[in-house]
Amino acid sequence: MLIRVCPDVLYALFTVFVLTYVTTHTGLSRGAGLAAVMIGSAFQLVLMPLFGALSDRISRRKMYLFATIAAGIWPFVFFPMVSGGSFVMLVTGIVLALVIHAALYGPQAALVTEQFSPRLRYTGSSLAYTLAGVIGGAPAPLLLTALLAGYGTWLAIGVYLLATAVVSIIGVVLARDPDRDEVLEPEPAR
């Protein structure tokens, strides 16, 4: 469950909350924000399966760890980058944010299911996905809006995403590295 918190918040930040931020703090229109999110989402369509395939060849945990670190750092680059109200910078920033999300989401299904024995995989991964969504993704747009309203600066949002990255990094460090034999040989029927 810990592994999934940061990607859920990252996605909420750069597909939902960013539309509010763009219209209230950059002078760009909602349409510009929607266009930037759509362009970033188009990149994700291609990149998620590619990152998933890449994670089959390299360590899923290392890939996830580096992408989580990038997610924690990205708001501190993104918000100053878009402060000038440039549409090109907005598109670039959202595309890069969603590339980071694709690097997390592509290997995520395999990484989460590998945490459970074959007998418990369906239940374990279902609970992990659902609980992380409820804890991380569902309240994120409201929390991000409240942080911006309460502190009046994007820095609080950056710190929040960084905190969720730390939670996911702890999850990656605690995650088990599955034995290849277990993955290749199913558990005997009972």
N, C-alpha and C. Protein backbone atom coordinates (compact mmCIF):
# COMPACT_ATOMS: atom_id res chain seq x y z
N MET A 1 0.82 -1.18 0.00
CA MET A 1 0.00 0.00 0.00
C MET A 1 0.87 1.26 0.00
N LEU A 2 1.94 1.25 0.77
CA LEU A 2 2.82 2.42 0.84
C LEU A 2 3.40 2.79 -0.52
N ILE A 3 3.70 1.77 -1.32
CA ILE A 3 4.29 1.96 -2.63
C ILE A 3 3.39 2.85 -3.51
N ARG A 4 2.09 2.73 -3.35
CA ARG A 4 1.15 3.39 -4.25
C ARG A 4 0.77 4.81 -3.85
N VAL A 5 1.09 5.26 -2.67
CA VAL A 5 0.62 6.57 -2.20
C VAL A 5 1.15 7.72 -3.06
N CYS A 6 2.44 7.78 -3.28
CA CYS A 6 3.02 8.88 -4.06
C CYS A 6 2.49 8.95 -5.49
N PRO A 7 2.44 7.84 -6.23
CA PRO A 7 1.91 7.93 -7.59
C PRO A 7 0.47 8.44 -7.65
N ASP A 8 -0.35 8.05 -6.67
CA ASP A 8 -1.73 8.52 -6.65
C ASP A 8 -1.80 10.04 -6.44
N VAL A 9 -1.00 10.54 -5.51
CA VAL A 9 -0.99 11.98 -5.24
C VAL A 9 -0.36 12.73 -6.42
N LEU A 10 0.70 12.20 -6.99
CA LEU A 10 1.33 12.82 -8.15
C LEU A 10 0.33 12.96 -9.30
N TYR A 11 -0.42 11.91 -9.54
CA TYR A 11 -1.40 11.94 -10.63
C TYR A 11 -2.50 12.96 -10.35
N ALA A 12 -3.00 12.98 -9.11
CA ALA A 12 -4.03 13.95 -8.75
C ALA A 12 -3.52 15.38 -8.90
N LEU A 13 -2.27 15.59 -8.53
CA LEU A 13 -1.68 16.92 -8.63
C LEU A 13 -1.58 17.39 -10.08
N PHE A 14 -1.12 16.52 -10.96
CA PHE A 14 -0.83 16.95 -12.33
C PHE A 14 -1.93 16.67 -13.35
N THR A 15 -3.06 16.15 -12.90
CA THR A 15 -4.20 16.00 -13.82
C THR A 15 -5.46 16.69 -13.32
N VAL A 16 -5.59 16.87 -12.02
CA VAL A 16 -6.79 17.48 -11.45
C VAL A 16 -6.47 18.85 -10.87
N PHE A 17 -5.64 18.87 -9.83
CA PHE A 17 -5.36 20.12 -9.12
C PHE A 17 -4.68 21.16 -10.02
N VAL A 18 -3.85 20.70 -10.93
CA VAL A 18 -3.11 21.63 -11.79
C VAL A 18 -4.06 22.56 -12.56
N LEU A 19 -5.25 22.10 -12.86
CA LEU A 19 -6.22 22.94 -13.58
C LEU A 19 -6.64 24.14 -12.73
N THR A 20 -6.82 23.92 -11.45
CA THR A 20 -7.14 25.03 -10.54
C THR A 20 -5.95 25.96 -10.42
N TYR A 21 -4.78 25.39 -10.25
CA TYR A 21 -3.57 26.21 -10.08
C TYR A 21 -3.31 27.07 -11.32
N VAL A 22 -3.44 26.47 -12.48
CA VAL A 22 -3.17 27.18 -13.74
C VAL A 22 -4.08 28.40 -13.88
N THR A 23 -5.35 28.22 -13.58
CA THR A 23 -6.29 29.34 -13.78
C THR A 23 -6.17 30.41 -12.71
N THR A 24 -5.73 30.05 -11.52
CA THR A 24 -5.66 31.04 -10.44
C THR A 24 -4.29 31.66 -10.22
N HIS A 25 -3.22 31.01 -10.70
CA HIS A 25 -1.88 31.50 -10.37
C HIS A 25 -0.96 31.75 -11.57
N THR A 26 -1.37 31.37 -12.76
CA THR A 26 -0.46 31.57 -13.91
C THR A 26 -1.04 32.50 -14.96
N GLY A 27 -2.33 32.77 -14.88
CA GLY A 27 -2.96 33.60 -15.89
C GLY A 27 -3.35 32.84 -17.14
N LEU A 28 -3.08 31.54 -17.18
CA LEU A 28 -3.48 30.73 -18.33
C LEU A 28 -4.92 30.27 -18.16
N SER A 29 -5.55 29.92 -19.24
CA SER A 29 -6.96 29.50 -19.20
C SER A 29 -7.08 28.03 -18.80
N ARG A 30 -8.28 27.68 -18.42
CA ARG A 30 -8.59 26.27 -18.10
C ARG A 30 -8.37 25.41 -19.34
N GLY A 31 -8.71 25.95 -20.51
CA GLY A 31 -8.48 25.21 -21.75
C GLY A 31 -7.01 24.91 -21.98
N ALA A 32 -6.15 25.86 -21.64
CA ALA A 32 -4.70 25.62 -21.77
C ALA A 32 -4.27 24.50 -20.83
N GLY A 33 -4.80 24.52 -19.61
CA GLY A 33 -4.48 23.46 -18.65
C GLY A 33 -4.97 22.11 -19.12
N LEU A 34 -6.20 22.08 -19.63
CA LEU A 34 -6.75 20.81 -20.14
C LEU A 34 -5.94 20.30 -21.33
N ALA A 35 -5.54 21.19 -22.21
CA ALA A 35 -4.74 20.78 -23.37
C ALA A 35 -3.41 20.19 -22.91
N ALA A 36 -2.77 20.83 -21.92
CA ALA A 36 -1.49 20.33 -21.40
C ALA A 36 -1.66 18.94 -20.78
N VAL A 37 -2.75 18.76 -20.02
CA VAL A 37 -3.00 17.45 -19.40
C VAL A 37 -3.27 16.39 -20.48
N MET A 38 -4.00 16.75 -21.51
CA MET A 38 -4.28 15.79 -22.60
C MET A 38 -3.01 15.40 -23.34
N ILE A 39 -2.12 16.36 -23.58
CA ILE A 39 -0.85 16.06 -24.24
C ILE A 39 -0.02 15.12 -23.36
N GLY A 40 0.06 15.44 -22.06
CA GLY A 40 0.79 14.57 -21.14
C GLY A 40 0.19 13.17 -21.07
N SER A 41 -1.13 13.10 -21.10
CA SER A 41 -1.82 11.80 -21.05
C SER A 41 -1.54 10.98 -22.30
N ALA A 42 -1.43 11.64 -23.44
CA ALA A 42 -1.10 10.93 -24.68
C ALA A 42 0.28 10.28 -24.57
N PHE A 43 1.23 10.97 -23.96
CA PHE A 43 2.55 10.38 -23.74
C PHE A 43 2.44 9.16 -22.84
N GLN A 44 1.58 9.24 -21.82
CA GLN A 44 1.43 8.11 -20.90
C GLN A 44 0.90 6.86 -21.59
N LEU A 45 0.05 7.02 -22.57
CA LEU A 45 -0.49 5.87 -23.30
C LEU A 45 0.62 5.00 -23.87
N VAL A 46 1.65 5.63 -24.33
CA VAL A 46 2.78 4.91 -24.92
C VAL A 46 3.79 4.50 -23.86
N LEU A 47 4.04 5.39 -22.91
CA LEU A 47 5.12 5.16 -21.95
C LEU A 47 4.81 4.13 -20.86
N MET A 48 3.57 4.04 -20.43
CA MET A 48 3.26 3.07 -19.36
C MET A 48 3.62 1.64 -19.76
N PRO A 49 3.18 1.16 -20.92
CA PRO A 49 3.58 -0.20 -21.29
C PRO A 49 5.10 -0.33 -21.50
N LEU A 50 5.73 0.71 -22.01
CA LEU A 50 7.18 0.66 -22.21
C LEU A 50 7.92 0.59 -20.88
N PHE A 51 7.50 1.38 -19.90
CA PHE A 51 8.13 1.30 -18.58
C PHE A 51 7.83 -0.04 -17.92
N GLY A 52 6.64 -0.58 -18.14
CA GLY A 52 6.33 -1.90 -17.62
C GLY A 52 7.23 -2.96 -18.20
N ALA A 53 7.43 -2.91 -19.51
CA ALA A 53 8.33 -3.86 -20.17
C ALA A 53 9.77 -3.67 -19.71
N LEU A 54 10.18 -2.42 -19.57
CA LEU A 54 11.54 -2.15 -19.10
C LEU A 54 11.75 -2.70 -17.69
N SER A 55 10.73 -2.60 -16.86
CA SER A 55 10.85 -3.11 -15.49
C SER A 55 10.96 -4.63 -15.45
N ASP A 56 10.53 -5.31 -16.51
CA ASP A 56 10.71 -6.76 -16.58
C ASP A 56 12.18 -7.12 -16.82
N ARG A 57 12.93 -6.18 -17.37
CA ARG A 57 14.33 -6.44 -17.72
C ARG A 57 15.31 -5.91 -16.68
N ILE A 58 14.90 -4.88 -15.97
CA ILE A 58 15.77 -4.33 -14.92
C ILE A 58 15.04 -4.47 -13.58
N SER A 59 15.64 -4.09 -12.54
CA SER A 59 15.03 -4.20 -11.22
C SER A 59 13.82 -3.26 -11.10
N ARG A 60 12.67 -3.85 -10.85
CA ARG A 60 11.44 -3.07 -10.67
C ARG A 60 11.58 -2.13 -9.48
N ARG A 61 12.17 -2.63 -8.41
CA ARG A 61 12.31 -1.83 -7.19
C ARG A 61 13.21 -0.62 -7.43
N LYS A 62 14.33 -0.80 -8.13
CA LYS A 62 15.22 0.34 -8.41
C LYS A 62 14.54 1.36 -9.32
N MET A 63 13.86 0.88 -10.33
CA MET A 63 13.16 1.78 -11.24
C MET A 63 12.11 2.58 -10.48
N TYR A 64 11.37 1.91 -9.63
CA TYR A 64 10.32 2.56 -8.85
C TYR A 64 10.93 3.56 -7.86
N LEU A 65 12.05 3.18 -7.27
CA LEU A 65 12.73 4.06 -6.32
C LEU A 65 13.18 5.36 -6.99
N PHE A 66 13.84 5.25 -8.14
CA PHE A 66 14.31 6.45 -8.84
C PHE A 66 13.15 7.32 -9.32
N ALA A 67 12.09 6.70 -9.79
CA ALA A 67 10.93 7.48 -10.24
C ALA A 67 10.25 8.16 -9.05
N THR A 68 10.21 7.51 -7.90
CA THR A 68 9.63 8.12 -6.71
C THR A 68 10.45 9.31 -6.24
N ILE A 69 11.75 9.19 -6.31
CA ILE A 69 12.63 10.32 -5.96
C ILE A 69 12.37 11.48 -6.92
N ALA A 70 12.26 11.18 -8.21
CA ALA A 70 11.96 12.22 -9.21
C ALA A 70 10.61 12.88 -8.92
N ALA A 71 9.63 12.07 -8.52
CA ALA A 71 8.30 12.61 -8.20
C ALA A 71 8.37 13.57 -7.02
N GLY A 72 9.17 13.24 -6.03
CA GLY A 72 9.30 14.10 -4.85
C GLY A 72 9.99 15.42 -5.15
N ILE A 73 10.86 15.42 -6.13
CA ILE A 73 11.62 16.62 -6.51
C ILE A 73 10.85 17.48 -7.51
N TRP A 74 10.07 16.86 -8.39
CA TRP A 74 9.48 17.56 -9.54
C TRP A 74 8.66 18.81 -9.20
N PRO A 75 7.82 18.84 -8.15
CA PRO A 75 7.07 20.07 -7.88
C PRO A 75 7.96 21.29 -7.66
N PHE A 76 9.15 21.07 -7.12
CA PHE A 76 10.07 22.18 -6.85
C PHE A 76 10.68 22.74 -8.13
N VAL A 77 10.58 21.97 -9.19
CA VAL A 77 10.99 22.44 -10.53
C VAL A 77 9.77 22.98 -11.28
N PHE A 78 8.68 22.24 -11.21
CA PHE A 78 7.49 22.56 -11.99
C PHE A 78 6.89 23.93 -11.67
N PHE A 79 6.62 24.18 -10.41
CA PHE A 79 5.90 25.41 -10.07
C PHE A 79 6.67 26.68 -10.45
N PRO A 80 7.98 26.78 -10.19
CA PRO A 80 8.70 27.96 -10.69
C PRO A 80 8.72 28.01 -12.22
N MET A 81 8.75 26.85 -12.84
CA MET A 81 8.80 26.75 -14.30
C MET A 81 7.55 27.34 -14.95
N VAL A 82 6.38 27.15 -14.33
CA VAL A 82 5.14 27.63 -14.93
C VAL A 82 4.69 28.98 -14.41
N SER A 83 5.43 29.54 -13.48
CA SER A 83 5.01 30.80 -12.85
C SER A 83 4.93 31.97 -13.83
N GLY A 84 5.65 31.89 -14.94
CA GLY A 84 5.62 32.97 -15.92
C GLY A 84 4.41 32.95 -16.84
N GLY A 85 3.61 31.91 -16.76
CA GLY A 85 2.40 31.85 -17.57
C GLY A 85 2.62 31.39 -19.00
N SER A 86 3.72 30.70 -19.27
CA SER A 86 4.01 30.20 -20.61
C SER A 86 3.31 28.86 -20.84
N PHE A 87 2.53 28.79 -21.91
CA PHE A 87 1.86 27.54 -22.26
C PHE A 87 2.86 26.44 -22.58
N VAL A 88 3.93 26.78 -23.27
CA VAL A 88 4.96 25.79 -23.62
C VAL A 88 5.59 25.21 -22.35
N MET A 89 5.86 26.06 -21.38
CA MET A 89 6.45 25.57 -20.13
C MET A 89 5.44 24.71 -19.36
N LEU A 90 4.17 25.09 -19.42
CA LEU A 90 3.14 24.30 -18.76
C LEU A 90 3.06 22.91 -19.39
N VAL A 91 3.02 22.84 -20.70
CA VAL A 91 2.96 21.54 -21.38
C VAL A 91 4.20 20.72 -21.04
N THR A 92 5.37 21.34 -21.12
CA THR A 92 6.61 20.63 -20.81
C THR A 92 6.58 20.10 -19.38
N GLY A 93 6.16 20.93 -18.45
CA GLY A 93 6.12 20.53 -17.05
C GLY A 93 5.15 19.39 -16.77
N ILE A 94 3.97 19.45 -17.38
CA ILE A 94 2.98 18.40 -17.16
C ILE A 94 3.40 17.12 -17.88
N VAL A 95 3.95 17.24 -19.07
CA VAL A 95 4.43 16.04 -19.79
C VAL A 95 5.49 15.34 -18.95
N LEU A 96 6.45 16.09 -18.44
CA LEU A 96 7.51 15.46 -17.63
C LEU A 96 6.96 14.86 -16.35
N ALA A 97 5.99 15.52 -15.73
CA ALA A 97 5.36 14.96 -14.53
C ALA A 97 4.66 13.64 -14.85
N LEU A 98 3.98 13.60 -15.99
CA LEU A 98 3.27 12.37 -16.34
C LEU A 98 4.20 11.30 -16.89
N VAL A 99 5.37 11.67 -17.37
CA VAL A 99 6.40 10.68 -17.70
C VAL A 99 6.88 10.01 -16.40
N ILE A 100 7.09 10.82 -15.37
CA ILE A 100 7.47 10.26 -14.07
C ILE A 100 6.37 9.33 -13.57
N HIS A 101 5.11 9.77 -13.71
CA HIS A 101 4.00 8.92 -13.29
C HIS A 101 3.96 7.61 -14.09
N ALA A 102 4.23 7.68 -15.37
CA ALA A 102 4.25 6.47 -16.20
C ALA A 102 5.36 5.53 -15.75
N ALA A 103 6.50 6.09 -15.34
CA ALA A 103 7.61 5.25 -14.85
C ALA A 103 7.23 4.56 -13.54
N LEU A 104 6.31 5.15 -12.80
CA LEU A 104 5.81 4.51 -11.58
C LEU A 104 4.67 3.54 -11.88
N TYR A 105 3.77 3.95 -12.71
CA TYR A 105 2.56 3.16 -12.95
C TYR A 105 2.81 1.95 -13.85
N GLY A 106 3.75 2.06 -14.78
CA GLY A 106 4.05 0.93 -15.68
C GLY A 106 4.44 -0.34 -14.94
N PRO A 107 5.38 -0.27 -14.01
CA PRO A 107 5.77 -1.48 -13.28
C PRO A 107 4.94 -1.76 -12.03
N GLN A 108 4.01 -0.87 -11.72
CA GLN A 108 3.31 -0.95 -10.43
C GLN A 108 2.53 -2.25 -10.23
N ALA A 109 1.80 -2.70 -11.21
CA ALA A 109 0.98 -3.91 -11.04
C ALA A 109 1.85 -5.11 -10.71
N ALA A 110 2.96 -5.26 -11.42
CA ALA A 110 3.85 -6.38 -11.14
C ALA A 110 4.51 -6.23 -9.77
N LEU A 111 4.93 -5.03 -9.45
CA LEU A 111 5.60 -4.79 -8.17
C LEU A 111 4.65 -5.07 -7.00
N VAL A 112 3.42 -4.62 -7.10
CA VAL A 112 2.47 -4.83 -6.01
C VAL A 112 2.13 -6.31 -5.88
N THR A 113 1.84 -6.99 -6.98
CA THR A 113 1.46 -8.40 -6.88
C THR A 113 2.61 -9.27 -6.41
N GLU A 114 3.84 -8.88 -6.71
CA GLU A 114 5.00 -9.65 -6.25
C GLU A 114 5.17 -9.63 -4.73
N GLN A 115 4.48 -8.74 -4.07
CA GLN A 115 4.61 -8.64 -2.62
C GLN A 115 3.86 -9.75 -1.89
N PHE A 116 3.05 -10.50 -2.62
CA PHE A 116 2.20 -11.52 -2.01
C PHE A 116 2.50 -12.89 -2.60
N SER A 117 2.32 -13.91 -1.80
CA SER A 117 2.47 -15.27 -2.31
C SER A 117 1.38 -15.50 -3.36
N PRO A 118 1.60 -16.43 -4.28
CA PRO A 118 0.60 -16.66 -5.33
C PRO A 118 -0.81 -16.90 -4.78
N ARG A 119 -0.93 -17.55 -3.65
CA ARG A 119 -2.23 -17.85 -3.07
C ARG A 119 -2.96 -16.57 -2.61
N LEU A 120 -2.21 -15.54 -2.24
CA LEU A 120 -2.81 -14.32 -1.68
C LEU A 120 -2.73 -13.11 -2.63
N ARG A 121 -2.22 -13.31 -3.82
CA ARG A 121 -1.98 -12.18 -4.71
C ARG A 121 -3.21 -11.37 -5.05
N TYR A 122 -4.29 -12.01 -5.39
CA TYR A 122 -5.48 -11.27 -5.81
C TYR A 122 -6.02 -10.42 -4.66
N THR A 123 -6.19 -11.04 -3.50
CA THR A 123 -6.73 -10.32 -2.35
C THR A 123 -5.76 -9.25 -1.87
N GLY A 124 -4.50 -9.62 -1.75
CA GLY A 124 -3.50 -8.67 -1.26
C GLY A 124 -3.34 -7.46 -2.15
N SER A 125 -3.21 -7.69 -3.45
CA SER A 125 -3.02 -6.55 -4.36
C SER A 125 -4.30 -5.72 -4.47
N SER A 126 -5.47 -6.34 -4.41
CA SER A 126 -6.72 -5.60 -4.44
C SER A 126 -6.84 -4.68 -3.24
N LEU A 127 -6.52 -5.20 -2.06
CA LEU A 127 -6.56 -4.37 -0.85
C LEU A 127 -5.54 -3.25 -0.91
N ALA A 128 -4.34 -3.56 -1.38
CA ALA A 128 -3.30 -2.53 -1.48
C ALA A 128 -3.72 -1.40 -2.41
N TYR A 129 -4.25 -1.75 -3.57
CA TYR A 129 -4.70 -0.73 -4.53
C TYR A 129 -5.83 0.12 -3.95
N THR A 130 -6.82 -0.56 -3.36
CA THR A 130 -7.99 0.15 -2.85
C THR A 130 -7.63 1.06 -1.69
N LEU A 131 -6.92 0.53 -0.72
CA LEU A 131 -6.58 1.33 0.46
C LEU A 131 -5.65 2.50 0.12
N ALA A 132 -4.70 2.27 -0.77
CA ALA A 132 -3.82 3.37 -1.17
C ALA A 132 -4.60 4.44 -1.91
N GLY A 133 -5.56 4.03 -2.71
CA GLY A 133 -6.40 5.00 -3.42
C GLY A 133 -7.21 5.85 -2.46
N VAL A 134 -7.75 5.20 -1.43
CA VAL A 134 -8.55 5.92 -0.44
C VAL A 134 -7.67 6.86 0.40
N ILE A 135 -6.49 6.40 0.76
CA ILE A 135 -5.60 7.21 1.60
C ILE A 135 -4.85 8.26 0.80
N GLY A 136 -4.36 7.89 -0.38
CA GLY A 136 -3.52 8.81 -1.16
C GLY A 136 -4.27 9.60 -2.20
N GLY A 137 -4.86 8.91 -3.15
CA GLY A 137 -5.43 9.58 -4.31
C GLY A 137 -6.74 10.30 -4.08
N ALA A 138 -7.66 9.69 -3.35
CA ALA A 138 -8.99 10.27 -3.19
C ALA A 138 -8.98 11.65 -2.52
N PRO A 139 -8.30 11.81 -1.40
CA PRO A 139 -8.33 13.14 -0.75
C PRO A 139 -7.33 14.14 -1.33
N ALA A 140 -6.47 13.70 -2.22
CA ALA A 140 -5.38 14.56 -2.70
C ALA A 140 -5.85 15.89 -3.31
N PRO A 141 -6.82 15.91 -4.23
CA PRO A 141 -7.22 17.22 -4.78
C PRO A 141 -7.72 18.19 -3.71
N LEU A 142 -8.47 17.66 -2.74
CA LEU A 142 -8.97 18.52 -1.66
C LEU A 142 -7.83 19.00 -0.76
N LEU A 143 -6.92 18.10 -0.43
CA LEU A 143 -5.78 18.49 0.41
C LEU A 143 -4.88 19.50 -0.30
N LEU A 144 -4.64 19.28 -1.58
CA LEU A 144 -3.80 20.21 -2.34
C LEU A 144 -4.44 21.59 -2.40
N THR A 145 -5.74 21.64 -2.61
CA THR A 145 -6.46 22.92 -2.64
C THR A 145 -6.41 23.59 -1.27
N ALA A 146 -6.60 22.81 -0.21
CA ALA A 146 -6.55 23.36 1.15
C ALA A 146 -5.15 23.87 1.49
N LEU A 147 -4.13 23.15 1.06
CA LEU A 147 -2.76 23.60 1.32
C LEU A 147 -2.46 24.92 0.61
N LEU A 148 -2.90 25.03 -0.63
CA LEU A 148 -2.67 26.27 -1.37
C LEU A 148 -3.44 27.43 -0.73
N ALA A 149 -4.67 27.18 -0.34
CA ALA A 149 -5.48 28.23 0.28
C ALA A 149 -4.93 28.61 1.66
N GLY A 150 -4.51 27.61 2.41
CA GLY A 150 -4.03 27.85 3.77
C GLY A 150 -2.68 28.52 3.84
N TYR A 151 -1.77 28.13 2.97
CA TYR A 151 -0.41 28.66 3.00
C TYR A 151 -0.16 29.72 1.94
N GLY A 152 -1.00 29.75 0.92
CA GLY A 152 -0.87 30.76 -0.12
C GLY A 152 0.33 30.59 -1.04
N THR A 153 0.96 29.43 -0.97
CA THR A 153 2.13 29.17 -1.81
C THR A 153 2.16 27.71 -2.25
N TRP A 154 2.78 27.48 -3.37
CA TRP A 154 2.91 26.12 -3.89
C TRP A 154 3.91 25.31 -3.07
N LEU A 155 4.74 25.95 -2.25
CA LEU A 155 5.74 25.22 -1.47
C LEU A 155 5.10 24.16 -0.57
N ALA A 156 3.95 24.48 0.00
CA ALA A 156 3.25 23.51 0.85
C ALA A 156 2.86 22.27 0.04
N ILE A 157 2.48 22.49 -1.21
CA ILE A 157 2.12 21.38 -2.09
C ILE A 157 3.36 20.54 -2.39
N GLY A 158 4.47 21.20 -2.67
CA GLY A 158 5.72 20.49 -2.92
C GLY A 158 6.15 19.64 -1.73
N VAL A 159 6.02 20.21 -0.53
CA VAL A 159 6.39 19.47 0.68
C VAL A 159 5.45 18.28 0.88
N TYR A 160 4.17 18.46 0.59
CA TYR A 160 3.21 17.36 0.71
C TYR A 160 3.57 16.22 -0.24
N LEU A 161 3.85 16.54 -1.50
CA LEU A 161 4.22 15.49 -2.44
C LEU A 161 5.54 14.84 -2.04
N LEU A 162 6.48 15.63 -1.55
CA LEU A 162 7.75 15.08 -1.07
C LEU A 162 7.50 14.12 0.09
N ALA A 163 6.59 14.46 0.99
CA ALA A 163 6.26 13.57 2.12
C ALA A 163 5.66 12.26 1.62
N THR A 164 4.80 12.33 0.60
CA THR A 164 4.23 11.09 0.06
C THR A 164 5.31 10.27 -0.65
N ALA A 165 6.29 10.95 -1.24
CA ALA A 165 7.41 10.23 -1.87
C ALA A 165 8.21 9.48 -0.81
N VAL A 166 8.42 10.11 0.33
CA VAL A 166 9.13 9.44 1.42
C VAL A 166 8.36 8.19 1.87
N VAL A 167 7.05 8.31 1.98
CA VAL A 167 6.21 7.15 2.35
C VAL A 167 6.39 6.03 1.33
N SER A 168 6.35 6.37 0.03
CA SER A 168 6.51 5.34 -1.00
C SER A 168 7.93 4.78 -1.04
N ILE A 169 8.92 5.61 -0.76
CA ILE A 169 10.30 5.11 -0.70
C ILE A 169 10.43 4.10 0.43
N ILE A 170 9.82 4.39 1.57
CA ILE A 170 9.82 3.42 2.68
C ILE A 170 9.16 2.12 2.23
N GLY A 171 8.06 2.23 1.50
CA GLY A 171 7.40 1.04 0.97
C GLY A 171 8.29 0.23 0.04
N VAL A 172 9.03 0.93 -0.83
CA VAL A 172 9.93 0.24 -1.77
C VAL A 172 11.07 -0.45 -1.01
N VAL A 173 11.61 0.23 -0.01
CA VAL A 173 12.71 -0.35 0.77
C VAL A 173 12.22 -1.59 1.53
N LEU A 174 11.00 -1.52 2.04
CA LEU A 174 10.45 -2.66 2.79
C LEU A 174 9.91 -3.77 1.88
N ALA A 175 9.72 -3.46 0.61
CA ALA A 175 9.13 -4.43 -0.33
C ALA A 175 10.04 -5.64 -0.48
N ARG A 176 9.40 -6.77 -0.64
CA ARG A 176 10.20 -7.98 -0.82
C ARG A 176 10.63 -8.09 -2.27
N ASP A 177 11.78 -8.69 -2.45
CA ASP A 177 12.30 -8.94 -3.79
C ASP A 177 11.98 -10.41 -4.07
N PRO A 178 11.01 -10.66 -4.93
CA PRO A 178 10.51 -12.03 -5.09
C PRO A 178 11.57 -12.99 -5.62
N ASP A 179 11.45 -14.21 -5.18
CA ASP A 179 12.31 -15.28 -5.67
C ASP A 179 11.78 -15.69 -7.04
N ARG A 180 12.64 -15.70 -8.02
CA ARG A 180 12.21 -16.01 -9.40
C ARG A 180 11.53 -17.38 -9.50
N ASP A 181 11.99 -18.34 -8.71
CA ASP A 181 11.37 -19.67 -8.76
C ASP A 181 9.91 -19.60 -8.33
N GLU A 182 9.62 -18.78 -7.32
CA GLU A 182 8.25 -18.64 -6.85
C GLU A 182 7.36 -18.05 -7.93
N VAL A 183 7.92 -17.11 -8.68
CA VAL A 183 7.15 -16.44 -9.72
C VAL A 183 6.89 -17.40 -10.87
N LEU A 184 7.86 -18.24 -11.19
CA LEU A 184 7.73 -19.13 -12.33
C LEU A 184 6.94 -20.40 -12.04
N GLU A 185 6.98 -20.87 -10.79
CA GLU A 185 6.30 -22.11 -10.45
C GLU A 185 5.11 -21.81 -9.56
N PRO A 186 3.90 -22.15 -10.02
CA PRO A 186 2.71 -21.88 -9.20
C PRO A 186 2.69 -22.75 -7.94
N GLU A 187 2.04 -22.24 -6.93
CA GLU A 187 1.87 -22.98 -5.68
C GLU A 187 0.95 -24.17 -5.93
N PRO A 188 1.27 -25.35 -5.35
CA PRO A 188 0.41 -26.52 -5.59
C PRO A 188 -1.00 -26.29 -5.06
N ALA A 189 -1.98 -26.86 -5.76
CA ALA A 189 -3.39 -26.72 -5.37
C ALA A 189 -3.64 -27.47 -4.07
N ARG A 190 -4.56 -26.96 -3.28
CA ARG A 190 -4.88 -27.61 -2.00
C ARG A 190 -6.26 -28.16 -2.03
